């Protein structure tokens, strides 16, 4: 491949945001765009090189992972923080749940001083992302017996049936989630946004290109240093956009001299710009699960469902629930998951997860050296808020999950809770077993320059630099009450619409 020495816009990272930014800019046919992806580029939708698990929309992908682990004192020690390292990023890994959140999320972003981010103003960009990612509803015939039961049981416990899970003004509801899955295949952001412009002559995609740092000169970003084909490569650009995700984007900024200058100096990195927010404000939706071994009746129903030619999706049903702590909107997700056991006898593992959708606790991310191959220290900071509000909400979600599981229709299919999860009851139990929900955000927070913890302005431009942007989940100031793929797509659609 002929690697350009200079380009108009260089985008680092081809996850959901990076694919959208690069694809939209390259479609304007008036500028050259180079897209660097640390993992492989498997090509367009129908390319035979795609690994089966990255295409299979019925389960979460497992290959081509960054290998991040958590250093948090809460949760299982060193539990994995899965992030995809391939074209399309986590949209090539995820469960394809296309949920937007609540109007409270985006109105809160605007209240922080981020003009243009109110719920009413972002709606058109959600609609555009939904359309381009081909988000759809499952047909009734596609809903598995397990998830049909889950919706019925949750409705019987008092959770109303949702008319539209993406109604930003709906406070509670349960239904089958919309998804970006076509004929069983995960329709990722690379397919949606890069495929249409791959051959137009304006976009260059370079896979297996690990970015080390961005070279800065006064208030300008002038070039990117990357390792491509095992060689150090320099690419200059008029504008540089970092879309490497909540874990990698702050690492790249830190290695470039942007962050806490005192800490960077100790690592031998020449400081360039003091932005204390880089790597801070890390948060996700803390979650828990209770587990079951499905009954013979479930095995029978699922076997019949599959023999009728239907695909079995591990995720489908989801509920937005309000705890007793919640005064407005909702603060919990309840989401059941099922899959075949590893013993191959046709039985099914089942779990009911609950997640706190409005966490107050905050964690942080720090690099340990200037080596781009070294892993950062990631502390999710789960359940560390002073009033223990996060754990109270999660504990109530656990109680709601157990109430659901004890309904007669549920017991008939999933049986009774397994001993290992039934022991999760006390606050200490919850602290030890808390999990992530695959939704890390916030490490390059969006906010006005007067906010000393913010990193970028309301259009993603890094404070103090004229042509360096961050556009991905890392700029989200507070995590929305939804699975983050569609909110991130909205963020990218909105900002790229304003870029000249």
Protein backbone atom coordinates (compact mmCIF):
# COMPACT_ATOMS: atom_id res chain seq x y z
CA UNK A 1 0.00 0.00 0.00
CA UNK A 2 1.15 3.50 -0.85
CA UNK A 3 1.06 5.38 2.47
CA UNK A 4 0.46 9.10 1.95
CA UNK A 5 3.01 11.45 3.49
CA UNK A 6 0.37 14.17 3.87
CA UNK A 7 -3.41 14.28 3.98
CA UNK A 8 -6.14 16.81 4.60
CA UNK A 9 -7.67 14.92 7.54
CA UNK A 10 -6.17 12.02 9.45
CA UNK A 11 -8.50 9.93 11.63
CA UNK A 12 -7.02 7.68 14.31
CA UNK A 13 -9.22 4.67 15.01
CA UNK A 14 -11.99 3.04 12.96
CA UNK A 15 -14.49 2.24 15.69
CA UNK A 16 -18.05 3.48 15.47
CA UNK A 17 -17.04 7.15 15.71
CA UNK A 18 -13.92 6.92 13.54
CA UNK A 19 -15.72 5.05 10.78
CA UNK A 20 -18.48 7.66 10.75
CA UNK A 21 -16.09 10.62 10.74
CA UNK A 22 -13.85 9.20 8.03
CA UNK A 23 -16.74 7.99 5.91
CA UNK A 24 -18.69 11.23 6.09
CA UNK A 25 -15.65 13.42 5.35
CA UNK A 26 -14.47 11.23 2.46
CA UNK A 27 -17.97 11.31 0.95
CA UNK A 28 -17.76 15.08 0.46
CA UNK A 29 -15.26 14.59 -2.36
CA UNK A 30 -13.28 17.71 -1.55
CA UNK A 31 -10.64 16.38 0.80
CA UNK A 32 -8.33 13.44 1.27
CA UNK A 33 -8.85 11.32 4.39
CA UNK A 34 -6.48 8.77 5.90
CA UNK A 35 -7.95 6.35 8.46
CA UNK A 36 -5.53 4.47 10.73
CA UNK A 37 -6.76 1.31 12.47
CA UNK A 38 -4.62 -0.53 15.05
CA UNK A 39 -6.24 -3.85 14.15
CA UNK A 40 -6.78 -5.49 10.78
CA UNK A 41 -8.99 -4.15 8.00
CA UNK A 42 -11.00 -7.13 6.79
CA UNK A 43 -12.51 -5.22 3.90
CA UNK A 44 -16.14 -4.60 2.95
CA UNK A 45 -19.25 -6.48 4.06
CA UNK A 46 -19.00 -9.44 1.67
CA UNK A 47 -15.25 -9.98 1.98
CA UNK A 48 -14.40 -13.59 2.85
CA UNK A 49 -11.62 -12.47 5.21
CA UNK A 50 -14.04 -11.49 7.99
CA UNK A 51 -13.73 -13.75 11.07
CA UNK A 52 -17.05 -15.54 11.66
CA UNK A 53 -17.43 -14.30 15.25
CA UNK A 54 -17.16 -10.66 14.14
CA UNK A 55 -19.99 -11.18 11.67
CA UNK A 56 -22.21 -13.32 13.88
CA UNK A 57 -24.85 -11.00 15.30
CA UNK A 58 -26.32 -13.67 17.58
CA UNK A 59 -23.46 -13.50 20.13
CA UNK A 60 -20.78 -11.06 21.26
CA UNK A 61 -17.49 -11.28 19.32
CA UNK A 62 -14.36 -12.52 21.05
CA UNK A 63 -11.37 -12.39 18.69
CA UNK A 64 -9.21 -9.34 17.96
CA UNK A 65 -9.41 -7.84 21.42
CA UNK A 66 -7.10 -5.21 22.94
CA UNK A 67 -6.63 -7.28 26.10
CA UNK A 68 -7.39 -4.56 28.63
CA UNK A 69 -7.98 -5.56 32.24
CA UNK A 70 -9.37 -3.68 35.23
CA UNK A 71 -7.25 -2.69 38.21
CA UNK A 72 -10.29 -1.61 40.22
CA UNK A 73 -10.47 -2.66 43.86
CA UNK A 74 -14.14 -3.47 43.30
CA UNK A 75 -15.17 -6.36 41.08
CA UNK A 76 -13.33 -9.54 40.26
CA UNK A 77 -9.57 -8.97 40.21
CA UNK A 78 -8.18 -8.21 36.76
CA UNK A 79 -11.47 -8.91 35.01
CA UNK A 80 -11.38 -8.35 31.26
CA UNK A 81 -12.50 -5.05 29.75
CA UNK A 82 -13.25 -6.23 26.24
CA UNK A 83 -12.58 -3.75 23.41
CA UNK A 84 -12.38 -4.74 19.76
CA UNK A 85 -9.14 -4.19 17.84
CA UNK A 86 -10.34 -4.38 14.25
CA UNK A 87 -12.02 -2.29 11.58
CA UNK A 88 -15.39 -1.18 12.93
CA UNK A 89 -14.11 -1.27 16.52
CA UNK A 90 -16.63 -2.38 19.12
CA UNK A 91 -19.42 -2.23 16.56
CA UNK A 92 -17.73 -5.40 15.25
CA UNK A 93 -17.92 -7.04 18.70
CA UNK A 94 -21.06 -5.87 20.45
CA UNK A 95 -24.54 -7.28 20.95
CA UNK A 96 -25.98 -4.80 18.40
CA UNK A 97 -28.49 -3.41 20.92
CA UNK A 98 -29.51 -0.03 19.46
CA UNK A 99 -30.81 1.90 22.47
CA UNK A 100 -30.62 5.70 22.72
CA UNK A 101 -31.12 6.50 26.41
CA UNK A 102 -33.18 9.29 28.00
CA UNK A 103 -33.79 12.94 27.20
CA UNK A 104 -32.29 13.64 30.65
CA UNK A 105 -28.89 12.46 29.40
CA UNK A 106 -28.52 14.96 26.60
CA UNK A 107 -30.24 17.84 28.37
CA UNK A 108 -27.69 17.28 31.15
CA UNK A 109 -24.82 17.46 28.66
CA UNK A 110 -26.13 20.82 27.50
CA UNK A 111 -26.55 22.04 31.08
CA UNK A 112 -22.80 21.60 31.54
CA UNK A 113 -22.23 24.30 28.92
CA UNK A 114 -22.18 22.09 25.82
CA UNK A 115 -24.36 24.10 23.50
CA UNK A 116 -26.16 22.14 20.79
CA UNK A 117 -26.45 18.87 22.73
CA UNK A 118 -29.99 19.07 24.09
CA UNK A 119 -32.27 16.10 23.51
CA UNK A 120 -34.27 17.93 20.86
CA UNK A 121 -31.13 18.98 18.98
CA UNK A 122 -29.57 15.51 18.88
CA UNK A 123 -32.70 13.69 17.69
CA UNK A 124 -32.00 14.24 13.96
CA UNK A 125 -28.54 12.74 14.36
CA UNK A 126 -29.91 9.70 16.17
CA UNK A 127 -32.34 9.26 13.30
CA UNK A 128 -29.52 9.54 10.74
CA UNK A 129 -27.37 7.00 12.60
CA UNK A 130 -30.32 4.61 12.92
CA UNK A 131 -30.96 4.81 9.21
CA UNK A 132 -27.34 4.37 8.14
CA UNK A 133 -26.68 1.50 10.54
CA UNK A 134 -29.92 -0.12 9.31
CA UNK A 135 -31.37 -0.45 12.78
CA UNK A 136 -34.51 -2.57 12.74
CA UNK A 137 -36.98 -4.32 15.01
CA UNK A 138 -37.07 -8.08 15.31
CA UNK A 139 -40.00 -9.76 13.65
CA UNK A 140 -42.26 -11.65 16.05
CA UNK A 141 -41.12 -14.96 14.56
CA UNK A 142 -37.48 -14.12 15.42
CA UNK A 143 -38.08 -13.71 19.15
CA UNK A 144 -36.78 -16.76 21.01
CA UNK A 145 -38.95 -18.61 23.56
CA UNK A 146 -36.57 -17.45 26.27
CA UNK A 147 -36.83 -13.75 25.47
CA UNK A 148 -40.57 -13.93 24.83
CA UNK A 149 -40.94 -15.37 28.31
CA UNK A 150 -38.71 -12.66 29.78
CA UNK A 151 -40.81 -9.84 28.32
CA UNK A 152 -44.05 -11.46 29.52
CA UNK A 153 -42.73 -12.07 33.03
CA UNK A 154 -41.29 -8.58 33.42
CA UNK A 155 -44.60 -7.11 32.29
CA UNK A 156 -46.40 -9.30 34.83
CA UNK A 157 -44.21 -7.90 37.62
CA UNK A 158 -45.42 -4.38 36.81
CA UNK A 159 -42.98 -3.09 34.19
CA UNK A 160 -45.16 -1.63 31.40
CA UNK A 161 -44.76 -2.85 27.82
CA UNK A 162 -42.75 -0.25 25.91
CA UNK A 163 -44.18 1.12 22.69
CA UNK A 164 -40.74 2.36 21.65
CA UNK A 165 -37.59 1.70 23.68
CA UNK A 166 -35.99 4.68 21.91
CA UNK A 167 -38.62 7.14 23.05
CA UNK A 168 -36.32 9.50 24.99
CA UNK A 169 -39.27 10.60 27.13
CA UNK A 170 -40.41 7.10 28.17
CA UNK A 171 -39.67 6.55 31.85
CA UNK A 172 -40.09 2.78 32.09
CA UNK A 173 -40.74 -0.07 29.71
CA UNK A 174 -39.82 -3.56 28.55
CA UNK A 175 -39.73 -5.00 25.07
CA UNK A 176 -37.55 -6.61 22.42
CA UNK A 177 -34.73 -4.24 21.55
CA UNK A 178 -34.07 -2.76 18.11
CA UNK A 179 -30.78 -3.96 16.60
CA UNK A 180 -28.35 -3.35 13.73
CA UNK A 181 -28.35 -6.97 12.54
CA UNK A 182 -29.06 -8.01 8.94
CA UNK A 183 -29.80 -11.67 8.20
CA UNK A 184 -27.99 -12.67 11.36
CA UNK A 185 -24.90 -10.58 10.55
CA UNK A 186 -23.66 -7.72 12.70
CA UNK A 187 -23.94 -4.61 10.49
CA UNK A 188 -21.05 -2.66 11.93
CA UNK A 189 -20.10 0.99 11.44
CA UNK A 190 -17.39 0.14 8.90
CA UNK A 191 -19.95 -1.55 6.66
CA UNK A 192 -22.39 1.32 7.05
CA UNK A 193 -20.04 4.28 6.62
CA UNK A 194 -16.79 3.11 5.00
CA UNK A 195 -18.00 0.65 2.38
CA UNK A 196 -19.79 3.33 0.32
CA UNK A 197 -16.58 5.39 -0.02
CA UNK A 198 -13.85 2.74 -0.07
CA UNK A 199 -13.32 3.11 -3.80
CA UNK A 200 -14.01 6.81 -4.36
CA UNK A 201 -10.36 7.84 -4.32
CA UNK A 202 -10.61 10.13 -1.29
CA UNK A 203 -10.29 7.58 1.53
CA UNK A 204 -7.19 5.59 2.44
CA UNK A 205 -7.65 2.93 5.12
CA UNK A 206 -4.49 1.57 6.73
CA UNK A 207 -4.96 -1.43 8.99
CA UNK A 208 -2.49 -2.78 11.57
CA UNK A 209 -1.24 0.74 12.21
CA UNK A 210 -0.60 1.43 15.89
CA UNK A 211 -0.43 5.14 16.65
CA UNK A 212 2.32 6.18 19.03
CA UNK A 213 1.74 9.90 19.37
CA UNK A 214 0.77 13.16 17.72
CA UNK A 215 3.49 15.73 17.09
CA UNK A 216 2.50 19.21 18.24
CA UNK A 217 3.97 22.61 17.43
CA UNK A 218 2.64 25.42 19.59
CA UNK A 219 -1.14 25.36 19.05
CA UNK A 220 -1.08 23.01 16.05
CA UNK A 221 -1.09 19.26 15.57
CA UNK A 222 1.20 18.64 12.63
CA UNK A 223 1.70 14.90 12.24
CA UNK A 224 1.08 11.41 13.60
CA UNK A 225 3.73 8.83 14.41
CA UNK A 226 2.53 5.28 13.84
CA UNK A 227 3.99 1.80 13.60
CA UNK A 228 2.91 0.42 10.22
CA UNK A 229 4.29 -2.85 8.83
CA UNK A 230 6.66 -2.91 11.84
CA UNK A 231 8.15 0.41 10.75
CA UNK A 232 7.87 3.83 12.32
CA UNK A 233 5.89 6.00 9.92
CA UNK A 234 5.16 9.72 9.94
CA UNK A 235 2.02 11.13 8.30
CA UNK A 236 1.38 14.88 8.24
CA UNK A 237 -2.13 16.28 8.20
CA UNK A 238 -3.94 19.61 8.19
CA UNK A 239 -6.40 18.24 10.74
CA UNK A 240 -6.08 15.28 13.09
CA UNK A 241 -9.06 13.52 14.69
CA UNK A 242 -8.52 10.97 17.44
CA UNK A 243 -11.31 8.36 17.58
CA UNK A 244 -9.49 5.57 19.37
CA UNK A 245 -12.05 5.03 22.15
CA UNK A 246 -12.32 5.72 25.86
CA UNK A 247 -9.21 3.70 26.72
CA UNK A 248 -6.87 4.45 23.82
CA UNK A 249 -7.69 8.11 22.98
CA UNK A 250 -6.42 9.45 26.34
CA UNK A 251 -3.32 7.24 26.04
CA UNK A 252 -2.49 8.81 22.68
CA UNK A 253 -2.99 12.32 24.06
CA UNK A 254 -0.78 11.55 27.07
CA UNK A 255 2.02 10.12 24.91
CA UNK A 256 1.74 13.32 22.85
CA UNK A 257 2.37 15.49 25.91
CA UNK A 258 -1.24 16.44 26.62
CA UNK A 259 -2.54 15.73 30.11
CA UNK A 260 -1.20 16.06 33.64
CA UNK A 261 2.20 17.50 32.81
CA UNK A 262 3.73 16.58 36.18
CA UNK A 263 2.88 12.90 35.72
CA UNK A 264 3.96 12.94 32.07
CA UNK A 265 7.36 14.38 32.97
CA UNK A 266 7.92 11.52 35.42
CA UNK A 267 7.40 9.10 32.52
CA UNK A 268 9.98 10.87 30.39
CA UNK A 269 7.35 12.45 28.13
CA UNK A 270 7.92 16.07 27.15
CA UNK A 271 4.84 18.00 28.34
CA UNK A 272 3.14 20.21 25.79
CA UNK A 273 -0.28 21.13 27.18
CA UNK A 274 -1.73 20.87 30.69
CA UNK A 275 -5.21 19.30 30.55
CA UNK A 276 -5.91 17.58 33.85
CA UNK A 277 -9.07 15.92 32.53
CA UNK A 278 -7.22 13.56 30.20
CA UNK A 279 -7.74 10.06 31.60
CA UNK A 280 -10.08 11.14 34.39
CA UNK A 281 -13.91 10.94 34.63
CA UNK A 282 -13.84 7.28 33.50
CA UNK A 283 -17.14 5.54 34.14
CA UNK A 284 -19.37 2.77 32.84
CA UNK A 285 -22.64 1.19 33.93
CA UNK A 286 -21.76 -1.16 36.82
CA UNK A 287 -23.68 -4.42 36.51
CA UNK A 288 -24.40 -7.71 38.26
CA UNK A 289 -25.94 -10.97 37.16
CA UNK A 290 -27.76 -13.92 38.65
CA UNK A 291 -27.39 -17.24 36.84
CA UNK A 292 -29.54 -20.27 36.07
CA UNK A 293 -29.33 -23.62 34.36
CA UNK A 294 -32.22 -23.80 31.94
CA UNK A 295 -34.80 -26.55 32.31
CA UNK A 296 -35.52 -29.43 29.95
CA UNK A 297 -38.56 -27.50 28.75
CA UNK A 298 -36.35 -24.58 27.70
CA UNK A 299 -34.03 -26.98 25.85
CA UNK A 300 -37.02 -28.50 24.06
CA UNK A 301 -38.47 -25.11 23.05
CA UNK A 302 -35.14 -23.72 21.89
CA UNK A 303 -34.41 -26.87 19.86
CA UNK A 304 -37.79 -26.62 18.15
CA UNK A 305 -37.23 -22.92 17.50
CA UNK A 306 -33.88 -23.64 15.83
CA UNK A 307 -35.28 -26.58 13.84
CA UNK A 308 -37.90 -24.23 12.44
CA UNK A 309 -35.06 -22.35 10.79
CA UNK A 310 -34.74 -19.47 13.24
CA UNK A 311 -31.50 -18.01 14.60
CA UNK A 312 -31.08 -17.88 18.36
CA UNK A 313 -29.93 -14.52 19.68
CA UNK A 314 -28.32 -14.39 23.12
CA UNK A 315 -29.63 -10.84 23.68
CA UNK A 316 -33.07 -9.54 22.72
CA UNK A 317 -35.22 -8.40 25.64
CA UNK A 318 -34.42 -5.36 27.76
CA UNK A 319 -36.22 -3.32 30.39
CA UNK A 320 -35.86 0.29 31.52
CA UNK A 321 -36.73 0.37 35.22
CA UNK A 322 -37.02 3.05 37.87
CA UNK A 323 -35.67 2.25 41.35
CA UNK A 324 -37.13 3.78 44.51
CA UNK A 325 -34.22 6.24 44.43
CA UNK A 326 -35.17 7.56 41.00
CA UNK A 327 -37.36 10.66 40.78
CA UNK A 328 -37.27 11.19 37.03
CA UNK A 329 -36.62 8.97 34.03
CA UNK A 330 -35.15 5.56 34.91
CA UNK A 331 -31.92 4.36 36.48
CA UNK A 332 -31.76 0.60 35.83
CA UNK A 333 -31.50 -1.78 32.91
CA UNK A 334 -32.65 -5.37 33.34
CA UNK A 335 -31.39 -7.54 30.47
CA UNK A 336 -31.63 -11.36 30.28
CA UNK A 337 -29.11 -13.37 28.26
CA UNK A 338 -28.98 -17.03 27.27
CA UNK A 339 -26.66 -19.38 25.43
CA UNK A 340 -25.91 -23.06 25.06
CA UNK A 341 -23.75 -24.67 27.73
CA UNK A 342 -20.24 -25.83 26.90
CA UNK A 343 -21.00 -29.47 27.75
CA UNK A 344 -22.80 -29.95 24.44
CA UNK A 345 -25.81 -31.77 25.86
CA UNK A 346 -28.32 -29.29 24.48
CA UNK A 347 -28.95 -27.49 27.77
CA UNK A 348 -28.94 -23.71 28.16
CA UNK A 349 -27.23 -21.26 30.49
CA UNK A 350 -29.36 -18.29 31.45
CA UNK A 351 -28.60 -15.06 33.29
CA UNK A 352 -30.50 -11.95 34.31
CA UNK A 353 -28.28 -8.88 34.42
CA UNK A 354 -28.99 -5.58 36.06
CA UNK A 355 -27.04 -2.37 35.48
CA UNK A 356 -26.99 1.00 37.24
CA UNK A 357 -27.56 3.46 34.38
CA UNK A 358 -26.77 6.66 36.34
CA UNK A 359 -23.48 5.93 38.15
CA UNK A 360 -22.00 8.68 40.32
CA UNK A 361 -18.66 6.95 40.87
CA UNK A 362 -15.72 7.90 38.69
CA UNK A 363 -12.49 6.11 37.86
CA UNK A 364 -9.37 6.96 35.92
CA UNK A 365 -6.87 5.74 33.37
CA UNK A 366 -3.11 6.28 33.42
CA UNK A 367 -0.29 5.25 31.11
CA UNK A 368 2.80 3.62 32.60
CA UNK A 369 5.32 4.56 29.90
CA UNK A 370 5.69 6.21 26.50
CA UNK A 371 5.54 2.78 24.82
CA UNK A 372 2.34 2.40 22.75
CA UNK A 373 2.47 -1.38 23.31
CA UNK A 374 2.24 -1.06 27.10
CA UNK A 375 -1.20 -1.41 28.66
CA UNK A 376 -2.64 1.47 30.71
CA UNK A 377 -3.75 1.15 34.32
CA UNK A 378 -7.55 1.23 34.19
CA UNK A 379 -9.47 1.79 37.41
CA UNK A 380 -13.21 1.89 36.71
CA UNK A 381 -13.82 3.28 40.18
CA UNK A 382 -16.98 1.26 40.60
CA UNK A 383 -19.14 1.84 43.68
CA UNK A 384 -16.85 4.48 45.20
CA UNK A 385 -19.29 7.38 45.54
CA UNK A 386 -19.33 8.74 49.07
CA UNK A 387 -23.02 8.14 49.78
CA UNK A 388 -22.99 4.58 48.35
CA UNK A 389 -25.84 5.63 46.06
CA UNK A 390 -24.51 3.52 43.19
CA UNK A 391 -24.53 0.33 45.21
CA UNK A 392 -28.01 1.01 46.59
CA UNK A 393 -29.40 1.30 43.06
CA UNK A 394 -27.58 -1.84 41.95
CA UNK A 395 -28.80 -3.76 45.00
CA UNK A 396 -32.38 -2.83 44.19
CA UNK A 397 -31.85 -3.96 40.61
CA UNK A 398 -30.64 -7.30 41.96
CA UNK A 399 -33.82 -7.60 44.02
CA UNK A 400 -35.98 -6.82 40.98
CA UNK A 401 -34.09 -9.45 38.93
CA UNK A 402 -34.76 -12.05 41.61
CA UNK A 403 -38.45 -11.12 41.71
CA UNK A 404 -38.60 -11.66 37.96
CA UNK A 405 -36.84 -15.02 38.21
CA UNK A 406 -39.30 -16.31 40.81
CA UNK A 407 -42.37 -15.91 38.61
CA UNK A 408 -43.96 -19.24 37.70
CA UNK A 409 -43.46 -18.81 33.94
CA UNK A 410 -39.78 -18.01 34.50
CA UNK A 411 -39.13 -20.97 36.80
CA UNK A 412 -40.63 -23.31 34.19
CA UNK A 413 -37.94 -22.31 31.69
CA UNK A 414 -34.88 -21.28 33.67
CA UNK A 415 -35.30 -23.15 36.95
CA UNK A 416 -33.95 -21.76 40.20
CA UNK A 417 -30.95 -19.51 40.75
CA UNK A 418 -27.63 -21.34 40.89
CA UNK A 419 -25.85 -21.42 44.27
CA UNK A 420 -22.84 -19.38 43.17
CA UNK A 421 -24.97 -16.34 42.29
CA UNK A 422 -27.58 -16.81 45.03
CA UNK A 423 -24.83 -16.01 47.51
CA UNK A 424 -24.63 -12.44 46.14
CA UNK A 425 -26.73 -10.57 48.67
CA UNK A 426 -24.75 -8.18 50.88
CA UNK A 427 -23.11 -4.93 49.88
CA UNK A 428 -19.71 -6.60 50.21
CA UNK A 429 -20.88 -9.39 47.87
CA UNK A 430 -21.95 -6.81 45.31
CA UNK A 431 -18.63 -4.96 45.56
CA UNK A 432 -16.72 -8.19 44.91
CA UNK A 433 -18.84 -9.28 41.95
CA UNK A 434 -19.60 -6.04 40.10
CA UNK A 435 -19.06 -6.26 36.34
CA UNK A 436 -18.87 -3.81 33.48
CA UNK A 437 -21.55 -3.29 30.81
CA UNK A 438 -19.13 -2.66 27.89
CA UNK A 439 -19.89 1.10 27.98
CA UNK A 440 -16.78 3.04 29.13
CA UNK A 441 -16.95 6.80 28.55
CA UNK A 442 -15.66 10.13 29.75
CA UNK A 443 -11.84 10.08 29.67
CA UNK A 444 -11.60 13.16 27.40
CA UNK A 445 -14.66 14.97 28.72
CA UNK A 446 -16.54 17.50 26.62
CA UNK A 447 -17.12 20.84 28.31
CA UNK A 448 -16.33 24.56 28.21
CA UNK A 449 -12.71 25.65 28.61
CA UNK A 450 -13.50 27.21 31.99
CA UNK A 451 -14.15 23.69 33.28
CA UNK A 452 -10.70 22.54 34.36
CA UNK A 453 -11.73 18.88 34.05
CA UNK A 454 -12.83 19.14 30.40
CA UNK A 455 -10.59 18.20 27.48
CA UNK A 456 -12.58 19.16 24.36
CA UNK A 457 -15.19 21.78 23.49
CA UNK A 458 -18.73 21.10 22.30
CA UNK A 459 -17.43 20.28 18.81
CA UNK A 460 -14.72 17.88 19.96
CA UNK A 461 -11.80 20.28 19.51
CA UNK A 462 -9.07 19.88 22.12
CA UNK A 463 -8.81 22.95 24.31
CA UNK A 464 -5.73 24.99 23.43
CA UNK A 465 -5.13 23.39 20.04
CA UNK A 466 -6.53 24.61 16.74
CA UNK A 467 -6.73 21.46 14.64
CA UNK A 468 -6.76 18.48 17.00
CA UNK A 469 -10.10 16.81 17.76
CA UNK A 470 -11.31 13.88 19.82
CA UNK A 471 -14.56 12.31 18.62
CA UNK A 472 -15.66 9.10 20.32
CA UNK A 473 -17.10 7.81 23.61
CA UNK A 474 -14.27 9.38 25.58
CA UNK A 475 -15.74 12.89 25.18
CA UNK A 476 -19.13 11.90 26.63
CA UNK A 477 -19.36 13.81 29.95
CA UNK A 478 -21.92 11.51 31.61
CA UNK A 479 -22.82 8.08 30.29
CA UNK A 480 -26.31 7.95 28.73
CA UNK A 481 -28.98 5.55 29.97
CA UNK A 482 -28.49 3.25 27.01
CA UNK A 483 -26.07 0.94 25.23
CA UNK A 484 -23.46 3.34 23.93
CA UNK A 485 -23.06 2.34 20.27
CA UNK A 486 -25.94 4.47 18.99
CA UNK A 487 -25.17 7.44 21.28
CA UNK A 488 -21.56 7.38 20.03
CA UNK A 489 -22.83 7.21 16.44
CA UNK A 490 -25.04 10.23 17.18
CA UNK A 491 -22.06 12.10 18.66
CA UNK A 492 -19.97 11.46 15.54
CA UNK A 493 -22.82 12.35 13.16
CA UNK A 494 -23.45 15.61 14.98
CA UNK A 495 -19.83 16.77 15.15
CA UNK A 496 -18.84 15.75 11.62
CA UNK A 497 -21.87 17.68 10.38
CA UNK A 498 -20.20 20.83 11.76
CA UNK A 499 -16.69 20.11 10.47
CA UNK A 500 -15.76 21.99 7.35
